[in-house]
Amino acid sequence: MDTAVPGAVSHFRDAAGGQVTCERREMEQAVSNRVKTALVMASIALAFFIGVIIRHWLW
């Protein structure tokens, strides 16, 4: 009933084709988006850190 049957797994049977590959332009855009996100997050962290330091210094 539940025996192991050698063979291809049905949902992996077909090759991915062009669905997985991406062009250089798309890859550069993805890197650019990641850099922008990282810069925004770093600026938020820096603003929070500076705010805490100023608050501690003035208090």
PDB file of N, CA and C in Angstrom:
ATOM      1  N   MET A   1       0.816  -1.181   0.000  1.00  0.00           N
ATOM      2  CA  MET A   1       0.000   0.000   0.000  1.00  0.00           C
ATOM      3  C   MET A   1       0.869   1.256   0.000  1.00  0.00           C
ATOM      4  N   ASP A   2       1.700   1.449   0.995  1.00  0.00           N
ATOM      5  CA  ASP A   2       2.576   2.616   1.057  1.00  0.00           C
ATOM      6  C   ASP A   2       4.019   2.197   0.839  1.00  0.00           C
ATOM      7  N   THR A   3       4.294   1.542  -0.247  1.00  0.00           N
ATOM      8  CA  THR A   3       5.655   1.100  -0.514  1.00  0.00           C
ATOM      9  C   THR A   3       6.383   2.133  -1.348  1.00  0.00           C
ATOM     10  N   ALA A   4       7.691   2.113  -1.244  1.00  0.00           N
ATOM     11  CA  ALA A   4       8.507   3.020  -2.032  1.00  0.00           C
ATOM     12  C   ALA A   4       8.551   2.556  -3.478  1.00  0.00           C
ATOM     13  N   VAL A   5       8.279   3.454  -4.392  1.00  0.00           N
ATOM     14  CA  VAL A   5       8.303   3.131  -5.805  1.00  0.00           C
ATOM     15  C   VAL A   5       9.360   4.024  -6.448  1.00  0.00           C
ATOM     16  N   PRO A   6      10.400   3.428  -7.024  1.00  0.00           N
ATOM     17  CA  PRO A   6      11.415   4.253  -7.662  1.00  0.00           C
ATOM     18  C   PRO A   6      10.860   4.940  -8.906  1.00  0.00           C
ATOM     19  N   GLY A   7      11.300   6.144  -9.125  1.00  0.00           N
ATOM     20  CA  GLY A   7      10.854   6.876 -10.304  1.00  0.00           C
ATOM     21  C   GLY A   7      10.839   8.374 -10.014  1.00  0.00           C
ATOM     22  N   ALA A   8      10.457   9.117 -11.003  1.00  0.00           N
ATOM     23  CA  ALA A   8      10.425  10.576 -10.868  1.00  0.00           C
ATOM     24  C   ALA A   8       9.236  10.997 -10.020  1.00  0.00           C
ATOM     25  N   VAL A   9       9.425  12.003  -9.228  1.00  0.00           N
ATOM     26  CA  VAL A   9       8.333  12.570  -8.458  1.00  0.00           C
ATOM     27  C   VAL A   9       7.473  13.367  -9.428  1.00  0.00           C
ATOM     28  N   SER A  10       6.183  13.208  -9.325  1.00  0.00           N
ATOM     29  CA  SER A  10       5.300  13.783 -10.336  1.00  0.00           C
ATOM     30  C   SER A  10       5.403  15.305 -10.442  1.00  0.00           C
ATOM     31  N   HIS A  11       5.538  16.012  -9.347  1.00  0.00           N
ATOM     32  CA  HIS A  11       5.571  17.462  -9.437  1.00  0.00           C
ATOM     33  C   HIS A  11       6.948  17.991  -9.816  1.00  0.00           C
ATOM     34  N   PHE A  12       7.942  17.155  -9.916  1.00  0.00           N
ATOM     35  CA  PHE A  12       9.261  17.547 -10.409  1.00  0.00           C
ATOM     36  C   PHE A  12       9.543  16.962 -11.790  1.00  0.00           C
ATOM     37  N   ARG A  13       8.557  16.421 -12.407  1.00  0.00           N
ATOM     38  CA  ARG A  13       8.754  15.706 -13.660  1.00  0.00           C
ATOM     39  C   ARG A  13       9.205  16.622 -14.794  1.00  0.00           C
ATOM     40  N   ASP A  14       8.610  17.793 -14.911  1.00  0.00           N
ATOM     41  CA  ASP A  14       8.911  18.689 -16.019  1.00  0.00           C
ATOM     42  C   ASP A  14      10.025  19.663 -15.635  1.00  0.00           C
ATOM     43  N   ALA A  15      10.868  19.960 -16.585  1.00  0.00           N
ATOM     44  CA  ALA A  15      11.947  20.912 -16.339  1.00  0.00           C
ATOM     45  C   ALA A  15      11.381  22.324 -16.194  1.00  0.00           C
ATOM     46  N   ALA A  16      12.119  23.186 -15.504  1.00  0.00           N
ATOM     47  CA  ALA A  16      11.644  24.545 -15.252  1.00  0.00           C
ATOM     48  C   ALA A  16      11.706  25.421 -16.501  1.00  0.00           C
ATOM     49  N   GLY A  17      12.639  25.155 -17.381  1.00  0.00           N
ATOM     50  CA  GLY A  17      12.741  25.962 -18.588  1.00  0.00           C
ATOM     51  C   GLY A  17      13.202  27.372 -18.290  1.00  0.00           C
ATOM     52  N   GLY A  18      12.572  28.372 -18.881  1.00  0.00           N
ATOM     53  CA  GLY A  18      12.969  29.755 -18.700  1.00  0.00           C
ATOM     54  C   GLY A  18      12.333  30.422 -17.492  1.00  0.00           C
ATOM     55  N   GLN A  19      11.594  29.677 -16.690  1.00  0.00           N
ATOM     56  CA  GLN A  19      10.902  30.265 -15.552  1.00  0.00           C
ATOM     57  C   GLN A  19      11.858  30.617 -14.419  1.00  0.00           C
ATOM     58  N   VAL A  20      12.984  29.941 -14.326  1.00  0.00           N
ATOM     59  CA  VAL A  20      13.902  30.138 -13.218  1.00  0.00           C
ATOM     60  C   VAL A  20      15.011  31.111 -13.581  1.00  0.00           C
ATOM     61  N   THR A  21      15.405  31.124 -14.817  1.00  0.00           N
ATOM     62  CA  THR A  21      16.500  31.992 -15.228  1.00  0.00           C
ATOM     63  C   THR A  21      16.040  33.446 -15.295  1.00  0.00           C
ATOM     64  N   CYS A  22      16.958  34.344 -15.093  1.00  0.00           N
ATOM     65  CA  CYS A  22      16.642  35.760 -15.227  1.00  0.00           C
ATOM     66  C   CYS A  22      17.770  36.436 -15.995  1.00  0.00           C
ATOM     67  N   GLU A  23      17.435  37.537 -16.585  1.00  0.00           N
ATOM     68  CA  GLU A  23      18.411  38.261 -17.377  1.00  0.00           C
ATOM     69  C   GLU A  23      19.287  39.126 -16.484  1.00  0.00           C
ATOM     70  N   ARG A  24      20.373  39.579 -17.024  1.00  0.00           N
ATOM     71  CA  ARG A  24      21.320  40.401 -16.273  1.00  0.00           C
ATOM     72  C   ARG A  24      20.661  41.686 -15.772  1.00  0.00           C
ATOM     73  N   ARG A  25      19.832  42.293 -16.601  1.00  0.00           N
ATOM     74  CA  ARG A  25      19.145  43.533 -16.230  1.00  0.00           C
ATOM     75  C   ARG A  25      18.237  43.308 -15.013  1.00  0.00           C
ATOM     76  N   GLU A  26      17.522  42.189 -15.008  1.00  0.00           N
ATOM     77  CA  GLU A  26      16.647  41.872 -13.879  1.00  0.00           C
ATOM     78  C   GLU A  26      17.459  41.633 -12.616  1.00  0.00           C
ATOM     79  N   MET A  27      18.613  40.990 -12.762  1.00  0.00           N
ATOM     80  CA  MET A  27      19.469  40.720 -11.616  1.00  0.00           C
ATOM     81  C   MET A  27      20.025  42.026 -11.050  1.00  0.00           C
ATOM     82  N   GLU A  28      20.441  42.945 -11.923  1.00  0.00           N
ATOM     83  CA  GLU A  28      20.953  44.238 -11.473  1.00  0.00           C
ATOM     84  C   GLU A  28      19.851  45.041 -10.780  1.00  0.00           C
ATOM     85  N   GLN A  29      18.624  44.955 -11.285  1.00  0.00           N
ATOM     86  CA  GLN A  29      17.500  45.650 -10.668  1.00  0.00           C
ATOM     87  C   GLN A  29      17.223  45.083  -9.278  1.00  0.00           C
ATOM     88  N   ALA A  30      17.324  43.767  -9.129  1.00  0.00           N
ATOM     89  CA  ALA A  30      17.100  43.145  -7.832  1.00  0.00           C
ATOM     90  C   ALA A  30      18.169  43.579  -6.832  1.00  0.00           C
ATOM     91  N   VAL A  31      19.419  43.647  -7.272  1.00  0.00           N
ATOM     92  CA  VAL A  31      20.504  44.093  -6.398  1.00  0.00           C
ATOM     93  C   VAL A  31      20.286  45.554  -6.023  1.00  0.00           C
ATOM     94  N   SER A  32      19.882  46.360  -6.982  1.00  0.00           N
ATOM     95  CA  SER A  32      19.620  47.770  -6.723  1.00  0.00           C
ATOM     96  C   SER A  32      18.500  47.927  -5.689  1.00  0.00           C
ATOM     97  N   ASN A  33      17.456  47.150  -5.814  1.00  0.00           N
ATOM     98  CA  ASN A  33      16.358  47.214  -4.850  1.00  0.00           C
ATOM     99  C   ASN A  33      16.824  46.792  -3.461  1.00  0.00           C
ATOM    100  N   ARG A  34      17.669  45.790  -3.394  1.00  0.00           N
ATOM    101  CA  ARG A  34      18.187  45.343  -2.093  1.00  0.00           C
ATOM    102  C   ARG A  34      19.054  46.414  -1.452  1.00  0.00           C
ATOM    103  N   VAL A  35      19.862  47.091  -2.246  1.00  0.00           N
ATOM    104  CA  VAL A  35      20.725  48.153  -1.722  1.00  0.00           C
ATOM    105  C   VAL A  35      19.872  49.309  -1.205  1.00  0.00           C
ATOM    106  N   LYS A  36      18.848  49.679  -1.950  1.00  0.00           N
ATOM    107  CA  LYS A  36      17.956  50.756  -1.511  1.00  0.00           C
ATOM    108  C   LYS A  36      17.276  50.392  -0.196  1.00  0.00           C
ATOM    109  N   THR A  37      16.792  49.171  -0.095  1.00  0.00           N
ATOM    110  CA  THR A  37      16.148  48.716   1.135  1.00  0.00           C
ATOM    111  C   THR A  37      17.129  48.733   2.301  1.00  0.00           C
ATOM    112  N   ALA A  38      18.345  48.277   2.060  1.00  0.00           N
ATOM    113  CA  ALA A  38      19.359  48.266   3.115  1.00  0.00           C
ATOM    114  C   ALA A  38      19.688  49.681   3.574  1.00  0.00           C
ATOM    115  N   LEU A  39      19.784  50.617   2.648  1.00  0.00           N
ATOM    116  CA  LEU A  39      20.072  52.003   3.017  1.00  0.00           C
ATOM    117  C   LEU A  39      18.935  52.627   3.812  1.00  0.00           C
ATOM    118  N   VAL A  40      17.713  52.348   3.449  1.00  0.00           N
ATOM    119  CA  VAL A  40      16.566  52.875   4.192  1.00  0.00           C
ATOM    120  C   VAL A  40      16.559  52.314   5.607  1.00  0.00           C
ATOM    121  N   MET A  41      16.776  51.008   5.743  1.00  0.00           N
ATOM    122  CA  MET A  41      16.777  50.388   7.067  1.00  0.00           C
ATOM    123  C   MET A  41      17.936  50.903   7.918  1.00  0.00           C
ATOM    124  N   ALA A  42      19.100  51.093   7.306  1.00  0.00           N
ATOM    125  CA  ALA A  42      20.252  51.615   8.045  1.00  0.00           C
ATOM    126  C   ALA A  42      20.007  53.047   8.502  1.00  0.00           C
ATOM    127  N   SER A  43      19.377  53.849   7.669  1.00  0.00           N
ATOM    128  CA  SER A  43      19.102  55.236   8.064  1.00  0.00           C
ATOM    129  C   SER A  43      18.080  55.285   9.205  1.00  0.00           C
ATOM    130  N   ILE A  44      17.096  54.395   9.192  1.00  0.00           N
ATOM    131  CA  ILE A  44      16.124  54.338  10.289  1.00  0.00           C
ATOM    132  C   ILE A  44      16.822  53.938  11.587  1.00  0.00           C
ATOM    133  N   ALA A  45      17.691  52.936  11.516  1.00  0.00           N
ATOM    134  CA  ALA A  45      18.425  52.499  12.703  1.00  0.00           C
ATOM    135  C   ALA A  45      19.337  53.609  13.217  1.00  0.00           C
ATOM    136  N   LEU A  46      19.997  54.303  12.317  1.00  0.00           N
ATOM    137  CA  LEU A  46      20.891  55.396  12.716  1.00  0.00           C
ATOM    138  C   LEU A  46      20.100  56.539  13.358  1.00  0.00           C
ATOM    139  N   ALA A  47      18.963  56.886  12.789  1.00  0.00           N
ATOM    140  CA  ALA A  47      18.132  57.951  13.358  1.00  0.00           C
ATOM    141  C   ALA A  47      17.645  57.561  14.753  1.00  0.00           C
ATOM    142  N   PHE A  48      17.240  56.322  14.910  1.00  0.00           N
ATOM    143  CA  PHE A  48      16.804  55.853  16.231  1.00  0.00           C
ATOM    144  C   PHE A  48      17.957  55.912  17.227  1.00  0.00           C
ATOM    145  N   PHE A  49      19.137  55.445  16.826  1.00  0.00           N
ATOM    146  CA  PHE A  49      20.306  55.449  17.697  1.00  0.00           C
ATOM    147  C   PHE A  49      20.682  56.873  18.106  1.00  0.00           C
ATOM    148  N   ILE A  50      20.711  57.783  17.152  1.00  0.00           N
ATOM    149  CA  ILE A  50      21.041  59.180  17.449  1.00  0.00           C
ATOM    150  C   ILE A  50      19.983  59.788  18.366  1.00  0.00           C
ATOM    151  N   GLY A  51      18.721  59.466  18.137  1.00  0.00           N
ATOM    152  CA  GLY A  51      17.651  59.954  18.998  1.00  0.00           C
ATOM    153  C   GLY A  51      17.804  59.475  20.428  1.00  0.00           C
ATOM    154  N   VAL A  52      18.166  58.218  20.615  1.00  0.00           N
ATOM    155  CA  VAL A  52      18.368  57.678  21.959  1.00  0.00           C
ATOM    156  C   VAL A  52      19.562  58.348  22.631  1.00  0.00           C
ATOM    157  N   ILE A  53      20.644  58.535  21.898  1.00  0.00           N
ATOM    158  CA  ILE A  53      21.835  59.186  22.461  1.00  0.00           C
ATOM    159  C   ILE A  53      21.520  60.630  22.861  1.00  0.00           C
ATOM    160  N   ILE A  54      20.841  61.384  22.009  1.00  0.00           N
ATOM    161  CA  ILE A  54      20.485  62.768  22.315  1.00  0.00           C
ATOM    162  C   ILE A  54      19.548  62.821  23.507  1.00  0.00           C
ATOM    163  N   ARG A  55      18.575  61.926  23.527  1.00  0.00           N
ATOM    164  CA  ARG A  55      17.622  61.885  24.651  1.00  0.00           C
ATOM    165  C   ARG A  55      18.354  61.596  25.960  1.00  0.00           C
ATOM    166  N   HIS A  56      19.285  60.661  25.935  1.00  0.00           N
ATOM    167  CA  HIS A  56      20.052  60.311  27.133  1.00  0.00           C
ATOM    168  C   HIS A  56      20.964  61.475  27.542  1.00  0.00           C
ATOM    169  N   TRP A  57      21.532  62.169  26.595  1.00  0.00           N
ATOM    170  CA  TRP A  57      22.453  63.260  26.872  1.00  0.00           C
ATOM    171  C   TRP A  57      21.722  64.477  27.447  1.00  0.00           C
ATOM    172  N   LEU A  58      20.534  64.779  26.915  1.00  0.00           N
ATOM    173  CA  LEU A  58      19.764  65.934  27.371  1.00  0.00           C
ATOM    174  C   LEU A  58      18.978  65.658  28.639  1.00  0.00           C
ATOM    175  N   TRP A  59      18.682  64.460  28.920  1.00  0.00           N
ATOM    176  CA  TRP A  59      17.820  64.127  30.067  1.00  0.00           C
ATOM    177  C   TRP A  59      18.565  64.239  31.311  1.00  0.00           C
TER     178      TRP A  59
END
